[in-house]
Amino acid sequence: GMVVATRKEEDFVGKKLLIVQPIDDKEEVLGHPEVAVDSVGAGTGELV
């Protein structure tokens, strides 16, 4: 998923915030989802 935040810390302005779910090598869920700043143009459903 993605996060849309109109008001945010200056370091996040102009950066895409995505929700990522850690997984193992079998694509099984590990832990809890986290928010990560995208530096490569990733999209929903992609492995990163």
All heavy atoms as atom14 arrays in JSON, in Angstrom:
{
  "sequence": "GMVVATRKEEDFVGKKLLIVQPIDDKEEVLGHPEVAVDSVGAGTGELV",
  "atom14_mask": [
    [1, 1, 1, 1, 0, 0, 0, 0, 0, 0, 0, 0, 0, 0],
    [1, 1, 1, 1, 1, 1, 1, 1, 0, 0, 0, 0, 0, 0],
    [1, 1, 1, 1, 1, 1, 1, 0, 0, 0, 0, 0, 0, 0],
    [1, 1, 1, 1, 1, 1, 1, 0, 0, 0, 0, 0, 0, 0],
    [1, 1, 1, 1, 1, 0, 0, 0, 0, 0, 0, 0, 0, 0],
    [1, 1, 1, 1, 1, 1, 1, 0, 0, 0, 0, 0, 0, 0],
    [1, 1, 1, 1, 1, 1, 1, 1, 1, 1, 1, 0, 0, 0],
    [1, 1, 1, 1, 1, 1, 1, 1, 1, 0, 0, 0, 0, 0],
    [1, 1, 1, 1, 1, 1, 1, 1, 1, 0, 0, 0, 0, 0],
    [1, 1, 1, 1, 1, 1, 1, 1, 1, 0, 0, 0, 0, 0],
    [1, 1, 1, 1, 1, 1, 1, 1, 0, 0, 0, 0, 0, 0],
    [1, 1, 1, 1, 1, 1, 1, 1, 1, 1, 1, 0, 0, 0],
    [1, 1, 1, 1, 1, 1, 1, 0, 0, 0, 0, 0, 0, 0],
    [1, 1, 1, 1, 0, 0, 0, 0, 0, 0, 0, 0, 0, 0],
    [1, 1, 1, 1, 1, 1, 1, 1, 1, 0, 0, 0, 0, 0],
    [1, 1, 1, 1, 1, 1, 1, 1, 1, 0, 0, 0, 0, 0],
    [1, 1, 1, 1, 1, 1, 1, 1, 0, 0, 0, 0, 0, 0],
    [1, 1, 1, 1, 1, 1, 1, 1, 0, 0, 0, 0, 0, 0],
    [1, 1, 1, 1, 1, 1, 1, 1, 0, 0, 0, 0, 0, 0],
    [1, 1, 1, 1, 1, 1, 1, 0, 0, 0, 0, 0, 0, 0],
    [1, 1, 1, 1, 1, 1, 1, 1, 1, 0, 0, 0, 0, 0],
    [1, 1, 1, 1, 1, 1, 1, 0, 0, 0, 0, 0, 0, 0],
    [1, 1, 1, 1, 1, 1, 1, 1, 0, 0, 0, 0, 0, 0],
    [1, 1, 1, 1, 1, 1, 1, 1, 0, 0, 0, 0, 0, 0],
    [1, 1, 1, 1, 1, 1, 1, 1, 0, 0, 0, 0, 0, 0],
    [1, 1, 1, 1, 1, 1, 1, 1, 1, 0, 0, 0, 0, 0],
    [1, 1, 1, 1, 1, 1, 1, 1, 1, 0, 0, 0, 0, 0],
    [1, 1, 1, 1, 1, 1, 1, 1, 1, 0, 0, 0, 0, 0],
    [1, 1, 1, 1, 1, 1, 1, 0, 0, 0, 0, 0, 0, 0],
    [1, 1, 1, 1, 1, 1, 1, 1, 0, 0, 0, 0, 0, 0],
    [1, 1, 1, 1, 0, 0, 0, 0, 0, 0, 0, 0, 0, 0],
    [1, 1, 1, 1, 1, 1, 1, 1, 1, 1, 0, 0, 0, 0],
    [1, 1, 1, 1, 1, 1, 1, 0, 0, 0, 0, 0, 0, 0],
    [1, 1, 1, 1, 1, 1, 1, 1, 1, 0, 0, 0, 0, 0],
    [1, 1, 1, 1, 1, 1, 1, 0, 0, 0, 0, 0, 0, 0],
    [1, 1, 1, 1, 1, 0, 0, 0, 0, 0, 0, 0, 0, 0],
    [1, 1, 1, 1, 1, 1, 1, 0, 0, 0, 0, 0, 0, 0],
    [1, 1, 1, 1, 1, 1, 1, 1, 0, 0, 0, 0, 0, 0],
    [1, 1, 1, 1, 1, 1, 0, 0, 0, 0, 0, 0, 0, 0],
    [1, 1, 1, 1, 1, 1, 1, 0, 0, 0, 0, 0, 0, 0],
    [1, 1, 1, 1, 0, 0, 0, 0, 0, 0, 0, 0, 0, 0],
    [1, 1, 1, 1, 1, 0, 0, 0, 0, 0, 0, 0, 0, 0],
    [1, 1, 1, 1, 0, 0, 0, 0, 0, 0, 0, 0, 0, 0],
    [1, 1, 1, 1, 1, 1, 1, 0, 0, 0, 0, 0, 0, 0],
    [1, 1, 1, 1, 0, 0, 0, 0, 0, 0, 0, 0, 0, 0],
    [1, 1, 1, 1, 1, 1, 1, 1, 1, 0, 0, 0, 0, 0],
    [1, 1, 1, 1, 1, 1, 1, 1, 0, 0, 0, 0, 0, 0],
    [1, 1, 1, 1, 1, 1, 1, 0, 0, 0, 0, 0, 0, 0]
  ],
  "atom14_positions": [
    [[0.82, -1.21, 0.0], [0.0, 0.0, 0.0], [0.84, 1.25, 0.0], [2.06, 1.2, -0.14], [0.0, 0.0, 0.0], [0.0, 0.0, 0.0], [0.0, 0.0, 0.0], [0.0, 0.0, 0.0], [0.0, 0.0, 0.0], [0.0, 0.0, 0.0], [0.0, 0.0, 0.0], [0.0, 0.0, 0.0], [0.0, 0.0, 0.0], [0.0, 0.0, 0.0]],
    [[0.17, 2.38, 0.17], [0.88, 3.66, 0.17], [0.31, 4.54, 1.27], [-0.79, 4.33, 1.76], [0.79, 4.34, -1.18], [-0.61, 4.71, -1.59], [-0.79, 5.39, -3.26], [0.7, 6.21, -3.57], [0.0, 0.0, 0.0], [0.0, 0.0, 0.0], [0.0, 0.0, 0.0], [0.0, 0.0, 0.0], [0.0, 0.0, 0.0], [0.0, 0.0, 0.0]],
    [[1.09, 5.54, 1.65], [0.68, 6.51, 2.65], [0.63, 7.88, 1.99], [1.58, 8.27, 1.31], [1.68, 6.56, 3.84], [1.32, 7.66, 4.81], [1.76, 5.22, 4.53], [0.0, 0.0, 0.0], [0.0, 0.0, 0.0], [0.0, 0.0, 0.0], [0.0, 0.0, 0.0], [0.0, 0.0, 0.0], [0.0, 0.0, 0.0], [0.0, 0.0, 0.0]],
    [[-0.47, 8.59, 2.19], [-0.58, 9.96, 1.71], [-0.66, 10.85, 2.93], [-1.53, 10.67, 3.78], [-1.84, 10.15, 0.82], [-1.98, 11.61, 0.41], [-1.77, 9.24, -0.39], [0.0, 0.0, 0.0], [0.0, 0.0, 0.0], [0.0, 0.0, 0.0], [0.0, 0.0, 0.0], [0.0, 0.0, 0.0], [0.0, 0.0, 0.0], [0.0, 0.0, 0.0]],
    [[0.29, 11.77, 3.05], [0.33, 12.68, 4.19], [0.53, 14.1, 3.66], [1.59, 14.43, 3.15], [1.48, 12.31, 5.12], [0.0, 0.0, 0.0], [0.0, 0.0, 0.0], [0.0, 0.0, 0.0], [0.0, 0.0, 0.0], [0.0, 0.0, 0.0], [0.0, 0.0, 0.0], [0.0, 0.0, 0.0], [0.0, 0.0, 0.0], [0.0, 0.0, 0.0]],
    [[-0.51, 14.9, 3.78], [-0.44, 16.27, 3.29], [0.57, 17.08, 4.1], [1.36, 17.83, 3.54], [-1.82, 16.94, 3.38], [-2.74, 16.13, 2.65], [-1.81, 18.32, 2.77], [0.0, 0.0, 0.0], [0.0, 0.0, 0.0], [0.0, 0.0, 0.0], [0.0, 0.0, 0.0], [0.0, 0.0, 0.0], [0.0, 0.0, 0.0], [0.0, 0.0, 0.0]],
    [[0.55, 16.91, 5.4], [1.49, 17.6, 6.27], [2.5, 16.59, 6.79], [2.12, 15.56, 7.33], [0.75, 18.26, 7.42], [-0.26, 19.28, 6.92], [-0.93, 19.96, 8.04], [0.01, 20.94, 8.59], [-0.29, 21.78, 9.55], [-1.49, 21.77, 10.08], [0.6, 22.64, 9.98], [0.0, 0.0, 0.0], [0.0, 0.0, 0.0], [0.0, 0.0, 0.0]],
    [[3.77, 16.89, 6.59], [4.81, 15.94, 6.99], [6.13, 16.66, 7.2], [6.31, 17.81, 6.8], [4.96, 14.84, 5.96], [5.22, 15.34, 4.54], [5.06, 14.23, 3.54], [4.97, 14.82, 2.15], [4.11, 14.1, 1.28], [0.0, 0.0, 0.0], [0.0, 0.0, 0.0], [0.0, 0.0, 0.0], [0.0, 0.0, 0.0], [0.0, 0.0, 0.0]],
    [[7.06, 15.97, 7.82], [8.42, 16.44, 8.05], [9.04, 16.84, 6.7], [8.81, 16.19, 5.68], [9.21, 15.32, 8.72], [10.7, 15.4, 8.63], [11.29, 16.6, 9.35], [10.76, 17.02, 10.39], [12.31, 17.11, 8.84], [0.0, 0.0, 0.0], [0.0, 0.0, 0.0], [0.0, 0.0, 0.0], [0.0, 0.0, 0.0], [0.0, 0.0, 0.0]],
    [[9.82, 17.89, 6.71], [10.42, 18.42, 5.48], [11.21, 17.37, 4.7], [11.22, 17.37, 3.47], [11.33, 19.6, 5.84], [11.9, 20.3, 4.63], [12.74, 21.51, 5.02], [12.28, 22.31, 5.84], [13.86, 21.61, 4.49], [0.0, 0.0, 0.0], [0.0, 0.0, 0.0], [0.0, 0.0, 0.0], [0.0, 0.0, 0.0], [0.0, 0.0, 0.0]],
    [[11.87, 16.44, 5.4], [12.65, 15.41, 4.73], [11.8, 14.49, 3.85], [12.31, 13.81, 2.97], [13.41, 14.55, 5.74], [14.51, 15.32, 6.44], [15.02, 16.3, 5.87], [14.87, 14.94, 7.57], [0.0, 0.0, 0.0], [0.0, 0.0, 0.0], [0.0, 0.0, 0.0], [0.0, 0.0, 0.0], [0.0, 0.0, 0.0], [0.0, 0.0, 0.0]],
    [[10.49, 14.45, 4.1], [9.6, 13.58, 3.35], [8.9, 14.27, 2.18], [8.26, 13.61, 1.37], [8.53, 12.98, 4.27], [9.1, 12.07, 5.33], [9.05, 12.43, 6.66], [9.69, 10.88, 4.99], [9.58, 11.61, 7.63], [10.22, 10.04, 5.95], [10.17, 10.41, 7.28], [0.0, 0.0, 0.0], [0.0, 0.0, 0.0], [0.0, 0.0, 0.0]],
    [[9.03, 15.58, 2.09], [8.37, 16.32, 1.02], [8.92, 15.87, -0.33], [10.13, 15.79, -0.53], [8.55, 17.85, 1.21], [8.01, 18.61, 0.01], [7.89, 18.31, 2.49], [0.0, 0.0, 0.0], [0.0, 0.0, 0.0], [0.0, 0.0, 0.0], [0.0, 0.0, 0.0], [0.0, 0.0, 0.0], [0.0, 0.0, 0.0], [0.0, 0.0, 0.0]],
    [[8.02, 15.53, -1.24], [8.42, 15.08, -2.58], [8.83, 13.62, -2.66], [9.25, 13.16, -3.72], [0.0, 0.0, 0.0], [0.0, 0.0, 0.0], [0.0, 0.0, 0.0], [0.0, 0.0, 0.0], [0.0, 0.0, 0.0], [0.0, 0.0, 0.0], [0.0, 0.0, 0.0], [0.0, 0.0, 0.0], [0.0, 0.0, 0.0], [0.0, 0.0, 0.0]],
    [[8.69, 12.9, -1.56], [9.06, 11.48, -1.56], [7.82, 10.61, -1.39], [6.9, 10.96, -0.67], [10.05, 11.19, -0.43], [11.39, 11.88, -0.66], [12.33, 11.63, 0.49], [13.69, 12.24, 0.24], [13.68, 13.67, 0.14], [0.0, 0.0, 0.0], [0.0, 0.0, 0.0], [0.0, 0.0, 0.0], [0.0, 0.0, 0.0], [0.0, 0.0, 0.0]],
    [[7.82, 9.47, -2.08], [6.69, 8.54, -2.0], [6.88, 7.62, -0.79], [7.95, 7.03, -0.6], [6.62, 7.71, -3.29], [5.41, 6.82, -3.39], [5.15, 6.29, -4.79], [6.31, 5.53, -5.36], [5.97, 4.79, -6.59], [0.0, 0.0, 0.0], [0.0, 0.0, 0.0], [0.0, 0.0, 0.0], [0.0, 0.0, 0.0], [0.0, 0.0, 0.0]],
    [[5.83, 7.52, 0.03], [5.85, 6.66, 1.21], [5.01, 5.42, 0.92], [3.83, 5.52, 0.58], [5.28, 7.4, 2.42], [5.96, 8.72, 2.77], [5.2, 9.4, 3.9], [7.4, 8.5, 3.16], [0.0, 0.0, 0.0], [0.0, 0.0, 0.0], [0.0, 0.0, 0.0], [0.0, 0.0, 0.0], [0.0, 0.0, 0.0], [0.0, 0.0, 0.0]],
    [[5.63, 4.25, 1.02], [4.94, 2.99, 0.73], [4.89, 2.1, 1.97], [5.8, 2.14, 2.8], [5.65, 2.25, -0.4], [5.67, 2.99, -1.74], [6.48, 2.19, -2.76], [4.27, 3.21, -2.26], [0.0, 0.0, 0.0], [0.0, 0.0, 0.0], [0.0, 0.0, 0.0], [0.0, 0.0, 0.0], [0.0, 0.0, 0.0], [0.0, 0.0, 0.0]],
    [[3.84, 1.3, 2.06], [3.72, 0.33, 3.14], [4.29, -0.98, 2.62], [3.86, -1.49, 1.57], [2.26, 0.15, 3.57], [1.67, 1.49, 4.0], [2.16, -0.88, 4.7], [0.19, 1.48, 4.21], [0.0, 0.0, 0.0], [0.0, 0.0, 0.0], [0.0, 0.0, 0.0], [0.0, 0.0, 0.0], [0.0, 0.0, 0.0], [0.0, 0.0, 0.0]],
    [[5.27, -1.51, 3.34], [5.92, -2.76, 2.94], [5.71, -3.82, 4.0], [5.74, -3.53, 5.19], [7.43, -2.56, 2.67], [7.64, -1.62, 1.49], [8.17, -2.04, 3.88], [0.0, 0.0, 0.0], [0.0, 0.0, 0.0], [0.0, 0.0, 0.0], [0.0, 0.0, 0.0], [0.0, 0.0, 0.0], [0.0, 0.0, 0.0], [0.0, 0.0, 0.0]],
    [[5.49, -5.05, 3.55], [5.32, -6.19, 4.45], [6.54, -7.09, 4.3], [6.76, -7.65, 3.23], [4.05, -6.97, 4.08], [3.88, -8.26, 4.86], [3.71, -8.01, 6.35], [2.76, -7.37, 6.76], [4.63, -8.51, 7.16], [0.0, 0.0, 0.0], [0.0, 0.0, 0.0], [0.0, 0.0, 0.0], [0.0, 0.0, 0.0], [0.0, 0.0, 0.0]],
    [[7.37, -7.21, 5.35], [8.5, -8.13, 5.27], [8.03, -9.55, 4.99], [6.99, -9.99, 5.51], [9.13, -8.04, 6.67], [8.73, -6.68, 7.17], [7.34, -6.49, 6.62], [0.0, 0.0, 0.0], [0.0, 0.0, 0.0], [0.0, 0.0, 0.0], [0.0, 0.0, 0.0], [0.0, 0.0, 0.0], [0.0, 0.0, 0.0], [0.0, 0.0, 0.0]],
    [[8.76, -10.26, 4.13], [8.42, -11.63, 3.77], [9.67, -12.5, 3.77], [10.8, -11.98, 3.75], [7.74, -11.71, 2.38], [8.67, -11.14, 1.3], [6.4, -11.0, 2.39], [8.17, -11.37, -0.12], [0.0, 0.0, 0.0], [0.0, 0.0, 0.0], [0.0, 0.0, 0.0], [0.0, 0.0, 0.0], [0.0, 0.0, 0.0], [0.0, 0.0, 0.0]],
    [[9.46, -13.83, 3.77], [10.6, -14.74, 3.65], [10.74, -15.19, 2.19], [10.05, -14.67, 1.31], [10.43, -15.93, 4.61], [9.25, -16.84, 4.29], [8.66, -16.73, 3.19], [8.9, -17.66, 5.15], [0.0, 0.0, 0.0], [0.0, 0.0, 0.0], [0.0, 0.0, 0.0], [0.0, 0.0, 0.0], [0.0, 0.0, 0.0], [0.0, 0.0, 0.0]],
    [[11.63, -16.16, 1.95], [11.9, -16.6, 0.57], [10.72, -17.32, -0.07], [10.7, -17.53, -1.28], [13.15, -17.46, 0.53], [13.03, -18.72, 1.37], [12.4, -18.66, 2.44], [13.59, -19.75, 0.97], [0.0, 0.0, 0.0], [0.0, 0.0, 0.0], [0.0, 0.0, 0.0], [0.0, 0.0, 0.0], [0.0, 0.0, 0.0], [0.0, 0.0, 0.0]],
    [[9.71, -17.71, 0.72], [8.5, -18.35, 0.18], [7.35, -17.35, 0.09], [6.21, -17.74, -0.11], [8.11, -19.52, 1.06], [9.13, -20.62, 1.11], [8.7, -21.69, 2.1], [9.86, -22.62, 2.35], [10.02, -22.97, 3.74], [0.0, 0.0, 0.0], [0.0, 0.0, 0.0], [0.0, 0.0, 0.0], [0.0, 0.0, 0.0], [0.0, 0.0, 0.0]],
    [[7.67, -16.08, 0.3], [6.7, -14.98, 0.31], [5.69, -15.1, 1.45], [4.58, -14.59, 1.37], [6.0, -14.82, -1.04], [6.96, -14.4, -2.15], [6.27, -13.99, -3.43], [5.2, -13.37, -3.36], [6.83, -14.29, -4.5], [0.0, 0.0, 0.0], [0.0, 0.0, 0.0], [0.0, 0.0, 0.0], [0.0, 0.0, 0.0], [0.0, 0.0, 0.0]],
    [[6.11, -15.76, 2.54], [5.3, -15.84, 3.75], [5.57, -14.59, 4.58], [6.7, -14.12, 4.67], [5.64, -17.09, 4.56], [5.37, -18.4, 3.83], [3.89, -18.69, 3.65], [3.09, -18.29, 4.51], [3.54, -19.32, 2.63], [0.0, 0.0, 0.0], [0.0, 0.0, 0.0], [0.0, 0.0, 0.0], [0.0, 0.0, 0.0], [0.0, 0.0, 0.0]],
    [[4.52, -14.08, 5.22], [4.61, -12.85, 6.0], [5.51, -13.03, 7.22], [5.44, -14.03, 7.92], [3.19, -12.42, 6.46], [3.25, -11.29, 7.46], [2.35, -12.04, 5.26], [0.0, 0.0, 0.0], [0.0, 0.0, 0.0], [0.0, 0.0, 0.0], [0.0, 0.0, 0.0], [0.0, 0.0, 0.0], [0.0, 0.0, 0.0], [0.0, 0.0, 0.0]],
    [[6.36, -12.03, 7.44], [7.22, -11.96, 8.62], [6.94, -10.64, 9.34], [7.02, -9.58, 8.71], [8.7, -12.0, 8.24], [9.21, -13.24, 7.52], [10.65, -13.0, 7.04], [9.16, -14.44, 8.44], [0.0, 0.0, 0.0], [0.0, 0.0, 0.0], [0.0, 0.0, 0.0], [0.0, 0.0, 0.0], [0.0, 0.0, 0.0], [0.0, 0.0, 0.0]],
    [[6.64, -10.67, 10.6], [6.48, -9.44, 11.36], [5.32, -8.57, 10.91], [4.33, -9.05, 10.36], [0.0, 0.0, 0.0], [0.0, 0.0, 0.0], [0.0, 0.0, 0.0], [0.0, 0.0, 0.0], [0.0, 0.0, 0.0], [0.0, 0.0, 0.0], [0.0, 0.0, 0.0], [0.0, 0.0, 0.0], [0.0, 0.0, 0.0], [0.0, 0.0, 0.0]],
    [[5.49, -7.27, 11.15], [4.44, -6.29, 10.89], [4.81, -5.39, 9.72], [5.98, -5.14, 9.47], [4.22, -5.43, 12.13], [3.8, -6.22, 13.33], [2.54, -6.69, 13.49], [4.51, -6.63, 14.4], [2.46, -7.36, 14.62], [3.65, -7.35, 15.2], [0.0, 0.0, 0.0], [0.0, 0.0, 0.0], [0.0, 0.0, 0.0], [0.0, 0.0, 0.0]],
    [[3.81, -4.84, 9.03], [4.08, -3.9, 7.94], [4.8, -2.65, 8.46], [4.64, -2.29, 9.63], [2.69, -3.53, 7.41], [1.79, -4.61, 7.89], [2.37, -5.1, 9.18], [0.0, 0.0, 0.0], [0.0, 0.0, 0.0], [0.0, 0.0, 0.0], [0.0, 0.0, 0.0], [0.0, 0.0, 0.0], [0.0, 0.0, 0.0], [0.0, 0.0, 0.0]],
    [[5.56, -2.02, 7.6], [6.29, -0.8, 7.93], [6.12, 0.21, 6.8], [5.8, -0.16, 5.68], [7.78, -1.08, 8.11], [8.1, -2.04, 9.21], [9.6, -2.27, 9.36], [10.35, -2.08, 8.38], [9.99, -2.63, 10.45], [0.0, 0.0, 0.0], [0.0, 0.0, 0.0], [0.0, 0.0, 0.0], [0.0, 0.0, 0.0], [0.0, 0.0, 0.0]],
    [[6.4, 1.46, 7.1], [6.4, 2.5, 6.08], [7.85, 2.71, 5.65], [8.74, 2.84, 6.49], [5.8, 3.81, 6.61], [5.91, 4.91, 5.56], [4.35, 3.6, 7.02], [0.0, 0.0, 0.0], [0.0, 0.0, 0.0], [0.0, 0.0, 0.0], [0.0, 0.0, 0.0], [0.0, 0.0, 0.0], [0.0, 0.0, 0.0], [0.0, 0.0, 0.0]],
    [[8.08, 2.74, 4.34], [9.42, 2.96, 3.8], [9.36, 4.04, 2.73], [8.38, 4.13, 1.98], [9.98, 1.67, 3.21], [0.0, 0.0, 0.0], [0.0, 0.0, 0.0], [0.0, 0.0, 0.0], [0.0, 0.0, 0.0], [0.0, 0.0, 0.0], [0.0, 0.0, 0.0], [0.0, 0.0, 0.0], [0.0, 0.0, 0.0], [0.0, 0.0, 0.0]],
    [[10.41, 4.83, 2.65], [10.51, 5.87, 1.64], [11.05, 5.21, 0.36], [12.05, 4.49, 0.4], [11.44, 7.01, 2.09], [11.5, 8.1, 1.04], [10.98, 7.58, 3.43], [0.0, 0.0, 0.0], [0.0, 0.0, 0.0], [0.0, 0.0, 0.0], [0.0, 0.0, 0.0], [0.0, 0.0, 0.0], [0.0, 0.0, 0.0], [0.0, 0.0, 0.0]],
    [[10.37, 5.44, -0.75], [10.74, 4.82, -2.02], [11.83, 5.61, -2.73], [11.69, 6.81, -2.94], [9.5, 4.72, -2.9], [9.75, 4.02, -4.22], [10.62, 3.14, -4.26], [9.07, 4.35, -5.19], [0.0, 0.0, 0.0], [0.0, 0.0, 0.0], [0.0, 0.0, 0.0], [0.0, 0.0, 0.0], [0.0, 0.0, 0.0], [0.0, 0.0, 0.0]],
    [[12.9, 4.92, -3.14], [13.96, 5.59, -3.9], [14.09, 5.05, -5.32], [14.94, 5.52, -6.07], [15.31, 5.44, -3.17], [15.79, 4.11, -3.27], [0.0, 0.0, 0.0], [0.0, 0.0, 0.0], [0.0, 0.0, 0.0], [0.0, 0.0, 0.0], [0.0, 0.0, 0.0], [0.0, 0.0, 0.0], [0.0, 0.0, 0.0], [0.0, 0.0, 0.0]],
    [[13.23, 4.07, -5.68], [13.4, 3.41, -6.97], [12.15, 3.36, -7.84], [12.15, 2.76, -8.91], [13.95, 1.98, -6.79], [15.35, 2.0, -6.22], [13.02, 1.15, -5.93], [0.0, 0.0, 0.0], [0.0, 0.0, 0.0], [0.0, 0.0, 0.0], [0.0, 0.0, 0.0], [0.0, 0.0, 0.0], [0.0, 0.0, 0.0], [0.0, 0.0, 0.0]],
    [[11.04, 3.94, -7.4], [9.82, 3.92, -8.19], [9.03, 2.63, -8.09], [8.4, 2.21, -9.06], [0.0, 0.0, 0.0], [0.0, 0.0, 0.0], [0.0, 0.0, 0.0], [0.0, 0.0, 0.0], [0.0, 0.0, 0.0], [0.0, 0.0, 0.0], [0.0, 0.0, 0.0], [0.0, 0.0, 0.0], [0.0, 0.0, 0.0], [0.0, 0.0, 0.0]],
    [[9.03, 2.01, -6.92], [8.29, 0.76, -6.71], [6.79, 1.02, -6.66], [6.35, 2.15, -6.42], [8.75, 0.11, -5.41], [0.0, 0.0, 0.0], [0.0, 0.0, 0.0], [0.0, 0.0, 0.0], [0.0, 0.0, 0.0], [0.0, 0.0, 0.0], [0.0, 0.0, 0.0], [0.0, 0.0, 0.0], [0.0, 0.0, 0.0], [0.0, 0.0, 0.0]],
    [[6.02, -0.05, -6.87], [4.57, 0.06, -6.83], [3.95, -1.08, -6.06], [4.61, -2.07, -5.73], [0.0, 0.0, 0.0], [0.0, 0.0, 0.0], [0.0, 0.0, 0.0], [0.0, 0.0, 0.0], [0.0, 0.0, 0.0], [0.0, 0.0, 0.0], [0.0, 0.0, 0.0], [0.0, 0.0, 0.0], [0.0, 0.0, 0.0], [0.0, 0.0, 0.0]],
    [[2.67, -0.96, -5.79], [1.94, -1.96, -5.04], [2.04, -3.33, -5.72], [1.93, -3.45, -6.93], [0.46, -1.55, -4.92], [0.39, -0.28, -4.28], [-0.34, -2.56, -4.1], [0.0, 0.0, 0.0], [0.0, 0.0, 0.0], [0.0, 0.0, 0.0], [0.0, 0.0, 0.0], [0.0, 0.0, 0.0], [0.0, 0.0, 0.0], [0.0, 0.0, 0.0]],
    [[2.31, -4.35, -4.9], [2.41, -5.71, -5.39], [3.82, -6.15, -5.72], [4.07, -7.35, -5.88], [0.0, 0.0, 0.0], [0.0, 0.0, 0.0], [0.0, 0.0, 0.0], [0.0, 0.0, 0.0], [0.0, 0.0, 0.0], [0.0, 0.0, 0.0], [0.0, 0.0, 0.0], [0.0, 0.0, 0.0], [0.0, 0.0, 0.0], [0.0, 0.0, 0.0]],
    [[4.76, -5.22, -5.82], [6.13, -5.58, -6.19], [6.93, -6.05, -4.98], [6.7, -5.61, -3.86], [6.85, -4.39, -6.83], [6.28, -4.06, -8.19], [7.1, -3.02, -8.92], [7.16, -1.88, -8.45], [7.66, -3.38, -9.97], [0.0, 0.0, 0.0], [0.0, 0.0, 0.0], [0.0, 0.0, 0.0], [0.0, 0.0, 0.0], [0.0, 0.0, 0.0]],
    [[7.87, -6.97, -5.25], [8.83, -7.38, -4.23], [9.99, -6.4, -4.27], [10.48, -6.04, -5.36], [9.34, -8.8, -4.5], [8.3, -9.92, -4.46], [8.98, -11.26, -4.69], [7.56, -9.92, -3.14], [0.0, 0.0, 0.0], [0.0, 0.0, 0.0], [0.0, 0.0, 0.0], [0.0, 0.0, 0.0], [0.0, 0.0, 0.0], [0.0, 0.0, 0.0]],
    [[10.44, -5.97, -3.09], [11.47, -4.95, -3.01], [12.52, -5.29, -1.97], [12.31, -6.14, -1.1], [10.85, -3.57, -2.67], [9.97, -3.08, -3.81], [10.08, -3.61, -1.37], [0.0, 0.0, 0.0], [0.0, 0.0, 0.0], [0.0, 0.0, 0.0], [0.0, 0.0, 0.0], [0.0, 0.0, 0.0], [0.0, 0.0, 0.0], [0.0, 0.0, 0.0]]
  ]
}
